């Protein structure tokens, strides 16, 4: 019996060794591609890259869109159906106040949803097949390859470097970055936003900014409109309404106040980025660079995002003339300062 037990123990130990050997390569690969350092049983330090699992964000998909629509629905029920809709029939100043609030509420809501679905449904911009730069405009990234390494391209005599994406196996236009969630290179990528289930890039950045702008206006209006009803919860008097409507009003006020404050900070940050003609990624990359070659002044920087036609500044669309005259709106070409250093990122 002891020999049998020893044999079984040996087989179990062998299975453990085989399992460890079989999975060690995966563990090492996962560890190297994560941003967290861990130590294995032998004491060796390994890194673990959380972005390895960025593709899990794709699974959110329609869930985030439904969540946004759910918040809009709760807010609409609270403002229109519960509080200010019935107030239209009260007469006097209350009716006038309700009419003004409902008019602004629906205007902001319409623009918010228009901007939101424009961001969701608009491609941020991808690299065209077989794209080749006419002139190398940027210094390459740390792992960029020299122009002489590409077939059909002349060696770069100015000692500049052509940007190349090793994941997509293609050249990268200026200001283009690879998105680990979308699995492709995005033109003038700012960030991947889970709320819009899309990347924010050259061709939908304006729509994203308008979404932030109208979200702030809408949530601020709702917060102010529901503030008297919210304060009534802490008064000694009796509050009219069913428990369900009261709970919805309370929830709507808290949600809209939270979104108004958070979106305000985000909006201020992006206004500063537009004023400097940069993106969130570029702001991080050039944090030690005193000058930015694409900063052409606040007005021209603004026009590269919103266009020159003032009629289109506040709607998620562009005039045909702007799309024809401003290459930056397409995401492939960007004017720069004539005296800028071509090596500067």
C-alpha atoms as a PDB file:
ATOM      1  CA  UNK A   1       0.000   0.000   0.000  1.00  0.00           C
ATOM      2  CA  UNK A   2       2.807   2.404   0.795  1.00  0.00           C
ATOM      3  CA  UNK A   3       4.269   1.815  -2.651  1.00  0.00           C
ATOM      4  CA  UNK A   4       0.911   2.623  -4.227  1.00  0.00           C
ATOM      5  CA  UNK A   5       0.601   5.826  -2.197  1.00  0.00           C
ATOM      6  CA  UNK A   6       4.146   6.818  -3.170  1.00  0.00           C
ATOM      7  CA  UNK A   7       3.354   6.184  -6.842  1.00  0.00           C
ATOM      8  CA  UNK A   8       0.178   8.273  -6.688  1.00  0.00           C
ATOM      9  CA  UNK A   9       2.046  11.094  -4.962  1.00  0.00           C
ATOM     10  CA  UNK A  10       4.710  11.003  -7.648  1.00  0.00           C
ATOM     11  CA  UNK A  11       2.080  11.176 -10.396  1.00  0.00           C
ATOM     12  CA  UNK A  12       0.375  14.121  -8.708  1.00  0.00           C
ATOM     13  CA  UNK A  13       3.684  15.941  -8.366  1.00  0.00           C
ATOM     14  CA  UNK A  14       4.446  15.251 -12.037  1.00  0.00           C
ATOM     15  CA  UNK A  15       1.042  16.655 -13.054  1.00  0.00           C
ATOM     16  CA  UNK A  16       1.737  19.808 -11.071  1.00  0.00           C
ATOM     17  CA  UNK A  17       5.102  20.245 -12.775  1.00  0.00           C
ATOM     18  CA  UNK A  18       3.560  19.716 -16.211  1.00  0.00           C
ATOM     19  CA  UNK A  19       0.776  22.204 -15.431  1.00  0.00           C
ATOM     20  CA  UNK A  20       3.312  24.781 -14.253  1.00  0.00           C
ATOM     21  CA  UNK A  21       5.465  24.318 -17.343  1.00  0.00           C
ATOM     22  CA  UNK A  22       2.455  24.509 -19.627  1.00  0.00           C
ATOM     23  CA  UNK A  23       1.197  27.754 -18.084  1.00  0.00           C
ATOM     24  CA  UNK A  24       4.481  29.444 -17.244  1.00  0.00           C
ATOM     25  CA  UNK A  25       4.813  30.925 -20.718  1.00  0.00           C
ATOM     26  CA  UNK A  26       1.329  32.410 -20.513  1.00  0.00           C
ATOM     27  CA  UNK A  27       2.064  33.761 -17.042  1.00  0.00           C
ATOM     28  CA  UNK A  28       5.276  35.368 -18.224  1.00  0.00           C
ATOM     29  CA  UNK A  29       3.572  36.874 -21.278  1.00  0.00           C
ATOM     30  CA  UNK A  30       0.710  38.259 -19.233  1.00  0.00           C
ATOM     31  CA  UNK A  31       3.073  39.585 -16.608  1.00  0.00           C
ATOM     32  CA  UNK A  32       5.239  41.438 -19.102  1.00  0.00           C
ATOM     33  CA  UNK A  33       2.213  43.096 -20.699  1.00  0.00           C
ATOM     34  CA  UNK A  34       0.678  44.358 -17.466  1.00  0.00           C
ATOM     35  CA  UNK A  35       1.617  47.553 -15.630  1.00  0.00           C
ATOM     36  CA  UNK A  36       1.923  45.921 -12.207  1.00  0.00           C
ATOM     37  CA  UNK A  37       5.084  44.312 -10.943  1.00  0.00           C
ATOM     38  CA  UNK A  38       4.675  40.902  -9.269  1.00  0.00           C
ATOM     39  CA  UNK A  39       7.198  38.464  -7.894  1.00  0.00           C
ATOM     40  CA  UNK A  40       7.138  34.756  -8.713  1.00  0.00           C
ATOM     41  CA  UNK A  41       8.080  31.932  -6.365  1.00  0.00           C
ATOM     42  CA  UNK A  42      11.732  32.169  -7.342  1.00  0.00           C
ATOM     43  CA  UNK A  43      11.891  35.827  -6.346  1.00  0.00           C
ATOM     44  CA  UNK A  44      12.156  37.204  -9.888  1.00  0.00           C
ATOM     45  CA  UNK A  45      10.287  40.470 -10.481  1.00  0.00           C
ATOM     46  CA  UNK A  46       7.897  40.566 -13.428  1.00  0.00           C
ATOM     47  CA  UNK A  47       5.611  43.275 -14.826  1.00  0.00           C
ATOM     48  CA  UNK A  48       1.923  42.816 -15.543  1.00  0.00           C
ATOM     49  CA  UNK A  49       0.212  45.137 -18.039  1.00  0.00           C
ATOM     50  CA  UNK A  50      -3.450  45.853 -17.308  1.00  0.00           C
ATOM     51  CA  UNK A  51      -3.946  47.047 -20.872  1.00  0.00           C
ATOM     52  CA  UNK A  52      -3.631  43.411 -21.922  1.00  0.00           C
ATOM     53  CA  UNK A  53      -7.310  43.138 -21.039  1.00  0.00           C
ATOM     54  CA  UNK A  54      -8.470  46.447 -22.520  1.00  0.00           C
ATOM     55  CA  UNK A  55     -10.530  44.498 -25.023  1.00  0.00           C
ATOM     56  CA  UNK A  56     -12.846  43.594 -22.141  1.00  0.00           C
ATOM     57  CA  UNK A  57     -14.181  47.148 -22.433  1.00  0.00           C
ATOM     58  CA  UNK A  58     -15.717  46.182 -25.758  1.00  0.00           C
ATOM     59  CA  UNK A  59     -18.118  43.973 -23.853  1.00  0.00           C
ATOM     60  CA  UNK A  60     -19.728  47.040 -22.294  1.00  0.00           C
ATOM     61  CA  UNK A  61     -21.040  48.040 -25.703  1.00  0.00           C
ATOM     62  CA  UNK A  62     -24.752  48.749 -25.642  1.00  0.00           C
ATOM     63  CA  UNK A  63     -24.812  48.485 -21.840  1.00  0.00           C
ATOM     64  CA  UNK A  64     -23.262  51.957 -21.524  1.00  0.00           C
ATOM     65  CA  UNK A  65     -25.645  53.382 -24.109  1.00  0.00           C
ATOM     66  CA  UNK A  66     -28.593  51.896 -22.230  1.00  0.00           C
ATOM     67  CA  UNK A  67     -27.204  53.322 -18.998  1.00  0.00           C
ATOM     68  CA  UNK A  68     -27.039  56.820 -20.521  1.00  0.00           C
ATOM     69  CA  UNK A  69     -30.578  56.487 -21.865  1.00  0.00           C
ATOM     70  CA  UNK A  70     -31.713  55.189 -18.478  1.00  0.00           C
ATOM     71  CA  UNK A  71     -30.329  58.272 -16.704  1.00  0.00           C
ATOM     72  CA  UNK A  72     -32.014  60.474 -19.310  1.00  0.00           C
ATOM     73  CA  UNK A  73     -35.279  58.603 -18.797  1.00  0.00           C
ATOM     74  CA  UNK A  74     -35.228  58.972 -15.009  1.00  0.00           C
ATOM     75  CA  UNK A  75     -34.433  62.670 -15.335  1.00  0.00           C
ATOM     76  CA  UNK A  76     -37.175  63.206 -17.914  1.00  0.00           C
ATOM     77  CA  UNK A  77     -39.740  61.467 -15.731  1.00  0.00           C
ATOM     78  CA  UNK A  78     -38.753  63.546 -12.723  1.00  0.00           C
ATOM     79  CA  UNK A  79     -38.613  66.951 -14.429  1.00  0.00           C
ATOM     80  CA  UNK A  80     -41.333  66.744 -17.069  1.00  0.00           C
ATOM     81  CA  UNK A  81     -43.882  64.200 -15.892  1.00  0.00           C
ATOM     82  CA  UNK A  82     -43.656  64.587 -12.113  1.00  0.00           C
ATOM     83  CA  UNK A  83     -42.814  68.206 -11.327  1.00  0.00           C
ATOM     84  CA  UNK A  84     -42.907  70.817 -14.089  1.00  0.00           C
ATOM     85  CA  UNK A  85     -45.337  69.256 -16.532  1.00  0.00           C
ATOM     86  CA  UNK A  86     -48.261  69.444 -14.086  1.00  0.00           C
ATOM     87  CA  UNK A  87     -47.111  72.930 -13.010  1.00  0.00           C
ATOM     88  CA  UNK A  88     -48.007  74.264 -16.475  1.00  0.00           C
ATOM     89  CA  UNK A  89     -51.662  74.160 -15.447  1.00  0.00           C
ATOM     90  CA  UNK A  90     -51.229  75.947 -12.128  1.00  0.00           C
ATOM     91  CA  UNK A  91     -51.524  79.388 -13.706  1.00  0.00           C
ATOM     92  CA  UNK A  92     -49.659  82.580 -12.919  1.00  0.00           C
ATOM     93  CA  UNK A  93     -45.905  82.798 -12.380  1.00  0.00           C
ATOM     94  CA  UNK A  94     -45.584  79.058 -11.701  1.00  0.00           C
ATOM     95  CA  UNK A  95     -46.860  78.249 -15.185  1.00  0.00           C
ATOM     96  CA  UNK A  96     -44.451  80.721 -16.772  1.00  0.00           C
ATOM     97  CA  UNK A  97     -41.513  79.312 -14.808  1.00  0.00           C
ATOM     98  CA  UNK A  98     -42.469  75.756 -15.749  1.00  0.00           C
ATOM     99  CA  UNK A  99     -42.777  76.697 -19.431  1.00  0.00           C
ATOM    100  CA  UNK A 100     -39.314  78.289 -19.498  1.00  0.00           C
ATOM    101  CA  UNK A 101     -37.708  75.341 -17.693  1.00  0.00           C
ATOM    102  CA  UNK A 102     -39.391  72.773 -19.945  1.00  0.00           C
ATOM    103  CA  UNK A 103     -38.418  74.700 -23.095  1.00  0.00           C
ATOM    104  CA  UNK A 104     -34.749  74.891 -22.094  1.00  0.00           C
ATOM    105  CA  UNK A 105     -34.807  71.307 -20.845  1.00  0.00           C
ATOM    106  CA  UNK A 106     -36.011  69.940 -24.190  1.00  0.00           C
ATOM    107  CA  UNK A 107     -33.643  72.145 -26.206  1.00  0.00           C
ATOM    108  CA  UNK A 108     -30.590  71.024 -24.221  1.00  0.00           C
ATOM    109  CA  UNK A 109     -31.781  67.413 -24.244  1.00  0.00           C
ATOM    110  CA  UNK A 110     -32.198  67.431 -28.021  1.00  0.00           C
ATOM    111  CA  UNK A 111     -28.689  68.815 -28.555  1.00  0.00           C
ATOM    112  CA  UNK A 112     -27.248  66.463 -25.944  1.00  0.00           C
ATOM    113  CA  UNK A 113     -28.687  63.355 -27.620  1.00  0.00           C
ATOM    114  CA  UNK A 114     -27.758  64.609 -31.099  1.00  0.00           C
ATOM    115  CA  UNK A 115     -24.166  65.187 -30.008  1.00  0.00           C
ATOM    116  CA  UNK A 116     -24.027  61.926 -28.065  1.00  0.00           C
ATOM    117  CA  UNK A 117     -25.131  59.692 -30.920  1.00  0.00           C
ATOM    118  CA  UNK A 118     -22.906  61.638 -33.307  1.00  0.00           C
ATOM    119  CA  UNK A 119     -19.921  60.620 -31.164  1.00  0.00           C
ATOM    120  CA  UNK A 120     -21.158  57.037 -30.873  1.00  0.00           C
ATOM    121  CA  UNK A 121     -21.880  56.534 -34.572  1.00  0.00           C
ATOM    122  CA  UNK A 122     -19.084  58.609 -36.168  1.00  0.00           C
ATOM    123  CA  UNK A 123     -15.826  56.874 -36.984  1.00  0.00           C
ATOM    124  CA  UNK A 124     -13.047  58.834 -35.224  1.00  0.00           C
ATOM    125  CA  UNK A 125     -10.821  58.294 -38.235  1.00  0.00           C
ATOM    126  CA  UNK A 126      -8.680  55.378 -39.319  1.00  0.00           C
ATOM    127  CA  UNK A 127      -5.506  55.179 -41.366  1.00  0.00           C
ATOM    128  CA  UNK A 128      -6.332  54.715 -45.069  1.00  0.00           C
ATOM    129  CA  UNK A 129      -5.005  51.496 -46.633  1.00  0.00           C
ATOM    130  CA  UNK A 130      -1.481  51.799 -48.015  1.00  0.00           C
ATOM    131  CA  UNK A 131      -1.134  55.318 -46.631  1.00  0.00           C
ATOM    132  CA  UNK A 132       2.290  56.888 -47.201  1.00  0.00           C
ATOM    133  CA  UNK A 133       3.477  60.288 -45.925  1.00  0.00           C
ATOM    134  CA  UNK A 134       4.309  62.932 -48.491  1.00  0.00           C
ATOM    135  CA  UNK A 135       6.714  64.510 -45.993  1.00  0.00           C
ATOM    136  CA  UNK A 136       7.770  63.139 -42.640  1.00  0.00           C
ATOM    137  CA  UNK A 137       6.334  65.619 -40.126  1.00  0.00           C
ATOM    138  CA  UNK A 138       7.017  64.088 -36.768  1.00  0.00           C
ATOM    139  CA  UNK A 139       9.704  62.443 -34.845  1.00  0.00           C
ATOM    140  CA  UNK A 140       8.997  58.756 -34.330  1.00  0.00           C
ATOM    141  CA  UNK A 141       8.122  57.096 -31.079  1.00  0.00           C
ATOM    142  CA  UNK A 142      10.637  55.118 -29.083  1.00  0.00           C
ATOM    143  CA  UNK A 143      10.131  52.019 -31.231  1.00  0.00           C
ATOM    144  CA  UNK A 144       9.680  53.825 -34.556  1.00  0.00           C
ATOM    145  CA  UNK A 145      11.530  52.575 -37.622  1.00  0.00           C
ATOM    146  CA  UNK A 146      13.602  54.719 -39.969  1.00  0.00           C
ATOM    147  CA  UNK A 147      12.205  55.500 -43.395  1.00  0.00           C
ATOM    148  CA  UNK A 148      14.913  53.427 -45.071  1.00  0.00           C
ATOM    149  CA  UNK A 149      13.411  50.279 -43.527  1.00  0.00           C
ATOM    150  CA  UNK A 150      10.231  50.539 -45.604  1.00  0.00           C
ATOM    151  CA  UNK A 151       9.993  49.290 -49.148  1.00  0.00           C
ATOM    152  CA  UNK A 152       9.180  52.002 -51.659  1.00  0.00           C
ATOM    153  CA  UNK A 153      10.204  54.865 -49.354  1.00  0.00           C
ATOM    154  CA  UNK A 154      13.329  56.957 -49.796  1.00  0.00           C
ATOM    155  CA  UNK A 155      15.790  57.150 -46.880  1.00  0.00           C
ATOM    156  CA  UNK A 156      15.184  60.136 -44.657  1.00  0.00           C
ATOM    157  CA  UNK A 157      18.054  62.530 -45.288  1.00  0.00           C
ATOM    158  CA  UNK A 158      16.895  65.071 -42.695  1.00  0.00           C
ATOM    159  CA  UNK A 159      17.416  62.557 -39.891  1.00  0.00           C
ATOM    160  CA  UNK A 160      13.707  62.573 -39.113  1.00  0.00           C
ATOM    161  CA  UNK A 161      11.889  59.349 -38.453  1.00  0.00           C
ATOM    162  CA  UNK A 162       8.706  57.843 -39.799  1.00  0.00           C
ATOM    163  CA  UNK A 163       6.194  56.599 -37.260  1.00  0.00           C
ATOM    164  CA  UNK A 164       5.209  52.962 -37.579  1.00  0.00           C
ATOM    165  CA  UNK A 165       2.677  50.862 -35.670  1.00  0.00           C
ATOM    166  CA  UNK A 166       4.015  47.399 -34.963  1.00  0.00           C
ATOM    167  CA  UNK A 167       0.562  46.153 -33.929  1.00  0.00           C
ATOM    168  CA  UNK A 168      -1.203  47.222 -37.124  1.00  0.00           C
ATOM    169  CA  UNK A 169       1.928  46.744 -39.270  1.00  0.00           C
ATOM    170  CA  UNK A 170       1.403  50.049 -41.029  1.00  0.00           C
ATOM    171  CA  UNK A 171       2.721  53.597 -41.126  1.00  0.00           C
ATOM    172  CA  UNK A 172       1.168  56.100 -38.739  1.00  0.00           C
ATOM    173  CA  UNK A 173       0.154  59.602 -39.868  1.00  0.00           C
ATOM    174  CA  UNK A 174       1.088  62.568 -37.656  1.00  0.00           C
ATOM    175  CA  UNK A 175      -0.696  62.641 -34.283  1.00  0.00           C
ATOM    176  CA  UNK A 176      -2.065  59.120 -34.802  1.00  0.00           C
ATOM    177  CA  UNK A 177      -2.044  56.569 -31.964  1.00  0.00           C
ATOM    178  CA  UNK A 178      -2.984  52.930 -31.548  1.00  0.00           C
ATOM    179  CA  UNK A 179      -6.065  52.169 -29.429  1.00  0.00           C
ATOM    180  CA  UNK A 180      -5.769  48.926 -27.482  1.00  0.00           C
ATOM    181  CA  UNK A 181      -9.548  48.721 -27.048  1.00  0.00           C
ATOM    182  CA  UNK A 182     -10.501  49.271 -30.689  1.00  0.00           C
ATOM    183  CA  UNK A 183      -7.479  47.305 -31.865  1.00  0.00           C
ATOM    184  CA  UNK A 184      -6.483  49.826 -34.545  1.00  0.00           C
ATOM    185  CA  UNK A 185      -4.752  53.149 -35.101  1.00  0.00           C
ATOM    186  CA  UNK A 186      -6.952  56.227 -34.646  1.00  0.00           C
ATOM    187  CA  UNK A 187      -6.260  59.609 -36.240  1.00  0.00           C
ATOM    188  CA  UNK A 188      -5.488  62.315 -33.667  1.00  0.00           C
ATOM    189  CA  UNK A 189      -6.658  59.997 -30.914  1.00  0.00           C
ATOM    190  CA  UNK A 190      -7.616  61.742 -27.682  1.00  0.00           C
ATOM    191  CA  UNK A 191      -8.839  58.775 -25.621  1.00  0.00           C
ATOM    192  CA  UNK A 192     -11.192  55.821 -25.693  1.00  0.00           C
ATOM    193  CA  UNK A 193     -14.419  56.769 -23.921  1.00  0.00           C
ATOM    194  CA  UNK A 194     -16.504  53.984 -22.397  1.00  0.00           C
ATOM    195  CA  UNK A 195     -19.524  56.296 -22.165  1.00  0.00           C
ATOM    196  CA  UNK A 196     -19.723  56.655 -25.940  1.00  0.00           C
ATOM    197  CA  UNK A 197     -18.378  53.134 -26.637  1.00  0.00           C
ATOM    198  CA  UNK A 198     -15.982  54.635 -29.167  1.00  0.00           C
ATOM    199  CA  UNK A 199     -12.654  56.330 -29.575  1.00  0.00           C
ATOM    200  CA  UNK A 200     -12.553  60.114 -29.572  1.00  0.00           C
ATOM    201  CA  UNK A 201     -10.417  61.191 -32.504  1.00  0.00           C
ATOM    202  CA  UNK A 202     -10.029  63.685 -35.321  1.00  0.00           C
ATOM    203  CA  UNK A 203     -13.420  63.193 -36.941  1.00  0.00           C
ATOM    204  CA  UNK A 204     -15.648  63.118 -33.839  1.00  0.00           C
ATOM    205  CA  UNK A 205     -13.741  65.242 -31.300  1.00  0.00           C
ATOM    206  CA  UNK A 206     -15.981  68.269 -31.905  1.00  0.00           C
ATOM    207  CA  UNK A 207     -19.061  66.113 -31.314  1.00  0.00           C
ATOM    208  CA  UNK A 208     -17.571  64.880 -28.051  1.00  0.00           C
ATOM    209  CA  UNK A 209     -16.908  68.424 -26.852  1.00  0.00           C
ATOM    210  CA  UNK A 210     -20.463  69.447 -27.716  1.00  0.00           C
ATOM    211  CA  UNK A 211     -21.726  66.393 -25.841  1.00  0.00           C
ATOM    212  CA  UNK A 212     -19.825  67.549 -22.760  1.00  0.00           C
ATOM    213  CA  UNK A 213     -21.078  71.117 -23.220  1.00  0.00           C
ATOM    214  CA  UNK A 214     -24.747  70.225 -23.540  1.00  0.00           C
ATOM    215  CA  UNK A 215     -24.494  67.623 -20.787  1.00  0.00           C
ATOM    216  CA  UNK A 216     -23.199  70.322 -18.447  1.00  0.00           C
ATOM    217  CA  UNK A 217     -25.988  72.712 -19.444  1.00  0.00           C
ATOM    218  CA  UNK A 218     -28.661  70.046 -19.075  1.00  0.00           C
ATOM    219  CA  UNK A 219     -27.473  68.672 -15.743  1.00  0.00           C
ATOM    220  CA  UNK A 220     -26.986  72.183 -14.341  1.00  0.00           C
ATOM    221  CA  UNK A 221     -30.510  73.160 -15.375  1.00  0.00           C
ATOM    222  CA  UNK A 222     -31.991  70.012 -13.834  1.00  0.00           C
ATOM    223  CA  UNK A 223     -30.016  70.526 -10.636  1.00  0.00           C
ATOM    224  CA  UNK A 224     -31.298  74.090 -10.238  1.00  0.00           C
ATOM    225  CA  UNK A 225     -34.835  73.123 -11.223  1.00  0.00           C
ATOM    226  CA  UNK A 226     -35.031  70.278  -8.723  1.00  0.00           C
ATOM    227  CA  UNK A 227     -33.195  72.077  -5.928  1.00  0.00           C
ATOM    228  CA  UNK A 228     -36.407  73.420  -4.268  1.00  0.00           C
ATOM    229  CA  UNK A 229     -37.940  69.950  -4.402  1.00  0.00           C
ATOM    230  CA  UNK A 230     -34.767  68.442  -2.964  1.00  0.00           C
ATOM    231  CA  UNK A 231     -34.662  70.921  -0.089  1.00  0.00           C
ATOM    232  CA  UNK A 232     -38.293  70.093   0.675  1.00  0.00           C
ATOM    233  CA  UNK A 233     -37.142  66.646   1.791  1.00  0.00           C
ATOM    234  CA  UNK A 234     -35.459  68.261   4.787  1.00  0.00           C
ATOM    235  CA  UNK A 235     -38.391  70.474   5.771  1.00  0.00           C
ATOM    236  CA  UNK A 236     -40.980  69.674   8.403  1.00  0.00           C
ATOM    237  CA  UNK A 237     -43.941  70.096   6.071  1.00  0.00           C
ATOM    238  CA  UNK A 238     -45.697  67.347   4.167  1.00  0.00           C
ATOM    239  CA  UNK A 239     -44.344  66.698   0.684  1.00  0.00           C
ATOM    240  CA  UNK A 240     -46.942  66.004  -2.006  1.00  0.00           C
ATOM    241  CA  UNK A 241     -46.445  62.990  -4.226  1.00  0.00           C
ATOM    242  CA  UNK A 242     -46.171  59.235  -4.027  1.00  0.00           C
ATOM    243  CA  UNK A 243     -43.101  57.503  -2.581  1.00  0.00           C
ATOM    244  CA  UNK A 244     -42.069  56.508  -6.108  1.00  0.00           C
ATOM    245  CA  UNK A 245     -42.144  60.035  -7.518  1.00  0.00           C
ATOM    246  CA  UNK A 246     -40.369  61.431  -4.473  1.00  0.00           C
ATOM    247  CA  UNK A 247     -37.620  58.821  -4.765  1.00  0.00           C
ATOM    248  CA  UNK A 248     -37.226  59.574  -8.477  1.00  0.00           C
ATOM    249  CA  UNK A 249     -36.915  63.306  -7.793  1.00  0.00           C
ATOM    250  CA  UNK A 250     -34.304  62.719  -5.100  1.00  0.00           C
ATOM    251  CA  UNK A 251     -32.322  60.339  -7.339  1.00  0.00           C
ATOM    252  CA  UNK A 252     -32.484  62.702 -10.329  1.00  0.00           C
ATOM    253  CA  UNK A 253     -31.172  65.618  -8.302  1.00  0.00           C
ATOM    254  CA  UNK A 254     -28.234  63.641  -6.909  1.00  0.00           C
ATOM    255  CA  UNK A 255     -27.308  62.145 -10.302  1.00  0.00           C
ATOM    256  CA  UNK A 256     -27.483  65.435 -12.179  1.00  0.00           C
ATOM    257  CA  UNK A 257     -25.535  67.303  -9.512  1.00  0.00           C
ATOM    258  CA  UNK A 258     -22.795  64.670  -9.625  1.00  0.00           C
ATOM    259  CA  UNK A 259     -22.632  64.736 -13.421  1.00  0.00           C
ATOM    260  CA  UNK A 260     -22.657  68.539 -13.560  1.00  0.00           C
ATOM    261  CA  UNK A 261     -19.647  68.793 -11.269  1.00  0.00           C
ATOM    262  CA  UNK A 262     -17.657  66.012 -12.927  1.00  0.00           C
ATOM    263  CA  UNK A 263     -18.416  67.128 -16.484  1.00  0.00           C
ATOM    264  CA  UNK A 264     -17.471  70.709 -15.607  1.00  0.00           C
ATOM    265  CA  UNK A 265     -13.948  69.646 -14.682  1.00  0.00           C
ATOM    266  CA  UNK A 266     -13.668  67.477 -17.781  1.00  0.00           C
ATOM    267  CA  UNK A 267     -14.976  70.297 -19.979  1.00  0.00           C
ATOM    268  CA  UNK A 268     -12.473  72.802 -18.575  1.00  0.00           C
ATOM    269  CA  UNK A 269      -9.640  70.375 -19.258  1.00  0.00           C
ATOM    270  CA  UNK A 270     -10.668  69.877 -22.881  1.00  0.00           C
ATOM    271  CA  UNK A 271     -11.126  73.605 -23.447  1.00  0.00           C
ATOM    272  CA  UNK A 272      -7.491  74.058 -22.417  1.00  0.00           C
ATOM    273  CA  UNK A 273      -6.468  71.240 -24.768  1.00  0.00           C
ATOM    274  CA  UNK A 274      -8.302  72.824 -27.691  1.00  0.00           C
ATOM    275  CA  UNK A 275      -6.729  76.210 -26.919  1.00  0.00           C
ATOM    276  CA  UNK A 276      -3.267  74.606 -27.148  1.00  0.00           C
ATOM    277  CA  UNK A 277      -4.170  72.389 -30.143  1.00  0.00           C
ATOM    278  CA  UNK A 278      -3.282  69.184 -28.360  1.00  0.00           C
ATOM    279  CA  UNK A 279      -4.939  65.993 -27.158  1.00  0.00           C
ATOM    280  CA  UNK A 280      -5.003  64.157 -23.864  1.00  0.00           C
ATOM    281  CA  UNK A 281      -2.371  61.702 -25.109  1.00  0.00           C
ATOM    282  CA  UNK A 282      -0.170  64.429 -26.581  1.00  0.00           C
ATOM    283  CA  UNK A 283      -0.416  66.513 -23.421  1.00  0.00           C
ATOM    284  CA  UNK A 284       1.055  63.582 -21.513  1.00  0.00           C
ATOM    285  CA  UNK A 285       3.714  62.806 -24.119  1.00  0.00           C
ATOM    286  CA  UNK A 286       4.978  66.388 -24.462  1.00  0.00           C
ATOM    287  CA  UNK A 287       4.889  67.271 -20.778  1.00  0.00           C
ATOM    288  CA  UNK A 288       8.606  68.127 -20.902  1.00  0.00           C
ATOM    289  CA  UNK A 289       8.415  69.987 -24.235  1.00  0.00           C
ATOM    290  CA  UNK A 290       8.355  73.787 -23.815  1.00  0.00           C
ATOM    291  CA  UNK A 291       6.923  74.449 -27.299  1.00  0.00           C
ATOM    292  CA  UNK A 292       4.319  72.610 -29.335  1.00  0.00           C
ATOM    293  CA  UNK A 293       4.704  72.741 -33.087  1.00  0.00           C
ATOM    294  CA  UNK A 294       0.942  72.550 -33.787  1.00  0.00           C
ATOM    295  CA  UNK A 295       0.014  75.452 -31.500  1.00  0.00           C
ATOM    296  CA  UNK A 296      -0.946  78.125 -34.058  1.00  0.00           C
ATOM    297  CA  UNK A 297      -2.769  80.466 -31.702  1.00  0.00           C
ATOM    298  CA  UNK A 298      -6.094  80.043 -29.952  1.00  0.00           C
ATOM    299  CA  UNK A 299      -8.304  81.098 -32.850  1.00  0.00           C
ATOM    300  CA  UNK A 300      -6.681  78.842 -35.447  1.00  0.00           C
ATOM    301  CA  UNK A 301      -6.497  76.024 -32.923  1.00  0.00           C
ATOM    302  CA  UNK A 302     -10.227  76.409 -32.290  1.00  0.00           C
ATOM    303  CA  UNK A 303     -10.991  76.415 -36.019  1.00  0.00           C
ATOM    304  CA  UNK A 304      -9.120  73.141 -36.496  1.00  0.00           C
ATOM    305  CA  UNK A 305     -11.704  71.492 -34.246  1.00  0.00           C
ATOM    306  CA  UNK A 306     -14.908  73.492 -34.799  1.00  0.00           C
ATOM    307  CA  UNK A 307     -14.332  74.897 -38.292  1.00  0.00           C
ATOM    308  CA  UNK A 308     -14.601  78.497 -39.483  1.00  0.00           C
ATOM    309  CA  UNK A 309     -18.347  78.625 -40.178  1.00  0.00           C
ATOM    310  CA  UNK A 310     -19.950  80.067 -37.026  1.00  0.00           C
ATOM    311  CA  UNK A 311     -23.346  78.621 -37.950  1.00  0.00           C
ATOM    312  CA  UNK A 312     -21.967  75.123 -37.272  1.00  0.00           C
ATOM    313  CA  UNK A 313     -20.042  75.803 -34.081  1.00  0.00           C
ATOM    314  CA  UNK A 314     -22.817  74.667 -31.730  1.00  0.00           C
ATOM    315  CA  UNK A 315     -24.137  71.708 -33.727  1.00  0.00           C
ATOM    316  CA  UNK A 316     -22.445  68.323 -34.347  1.00  0.00           C
ATOM    317  CA  UNK A 317     -21.817  68.917 -38.032  1.00  0.00           C
ATOM    318  CA  UNK A 318     -19.485  70.725 -40.426  1.00  0.00           C
ATOM    319  CA  UNK A 319     -20.077  72.804 -43.526  1.00  0.00           C
ATOM    320  CA  UNK A 320     -18.890  71.330 -46.810  1.00  0.00           C
ATOM    321  CA  UNK A 321     -16.622  74.330 -47.243  1.00  0.00           C
ATOM    322  CA  UNK A 322     -14.848  73.678 -43.936  1.00  0.00           C
ATOM    323  CA  UNK A 323     -14.407  69.994 -44.734  1.00  0.00           C
ATOM    324  CA  UNK A 324     -12.822  70.983 -48.049  1.00  0.00           C
ATOM    325  CA  UNK A 325     -10.628  73.819 -46.785  1.00  0.00           C
ATOM    326  CA  UNK A 326      -9.422  72.474 -43.418  1.00  0.00           C
ATOM    327  CA  UNK A 327      -7.375  69.242 -43.801  1.00  0.00           C
ATOM    328  CA  UNK A 328      -7.092  68.884 -40.015  1.00  0.00           C
ATOM    329  CA  UNK A 329     -10.779  67.943 -39.845  1.00  0.00           C
ATOM    330  CA  UNK A 330      -9.947  64.796 -41.840  1.00  0.00           C
ATOM    331  CA  UNK A 331      -7.110  63.906 -39.478  1.00  0.00           C
ATOM    332  CA  UNK A 332      -4.268  63.286 -41.922  1.00  0.00           C
ATOM    333  CA  UNK A 333      -2.601  66.693 -42.324  1.00  0.00           C
ATOM    334  CA  UNK A 334      -1.920  69.398 -39.756  1.00  0.00           C
ATOM    335  CA  UNK A 335      -0.301  72.785 -40.322  1.00  0.00           C
ATOM    336  CA  UNK A 336       2.549  73.627 -37.997  1.00  0.00           C
ATOM    337  CA  UNK A 337       4.658  76.610 -37.102  1.00  0.00           C
ATOM    338  CA  UNK A 338       7.129  77.506 -39.874  1.00  0.00           C
ATOM    339  CA  UNK A 339       9.943  77.888 -37.342  1.00  0.00           C
ATOM    340  CA  UNK A 340       9.153  74.712 -35.380  1.00  0.00           C
ATOM    341  CA  UNK A 341      11.707  72.021 -34.789  1.00  0.00           C
ATOM    342  CA  UNK A 342      10.823  69.017 -36.993  1.00  0.00           C
ATOM    343  CA  UNK A 343      12.212  66.720 -34.325  1.00  0.00           C
ATOM    344  CA  UNK A 344       9.819  68.093 -31.728  1.00  0.00           C
ATOM    345  CA  UNK A 345       6.811  66.030 -30.684  1.00  0.00           C
END
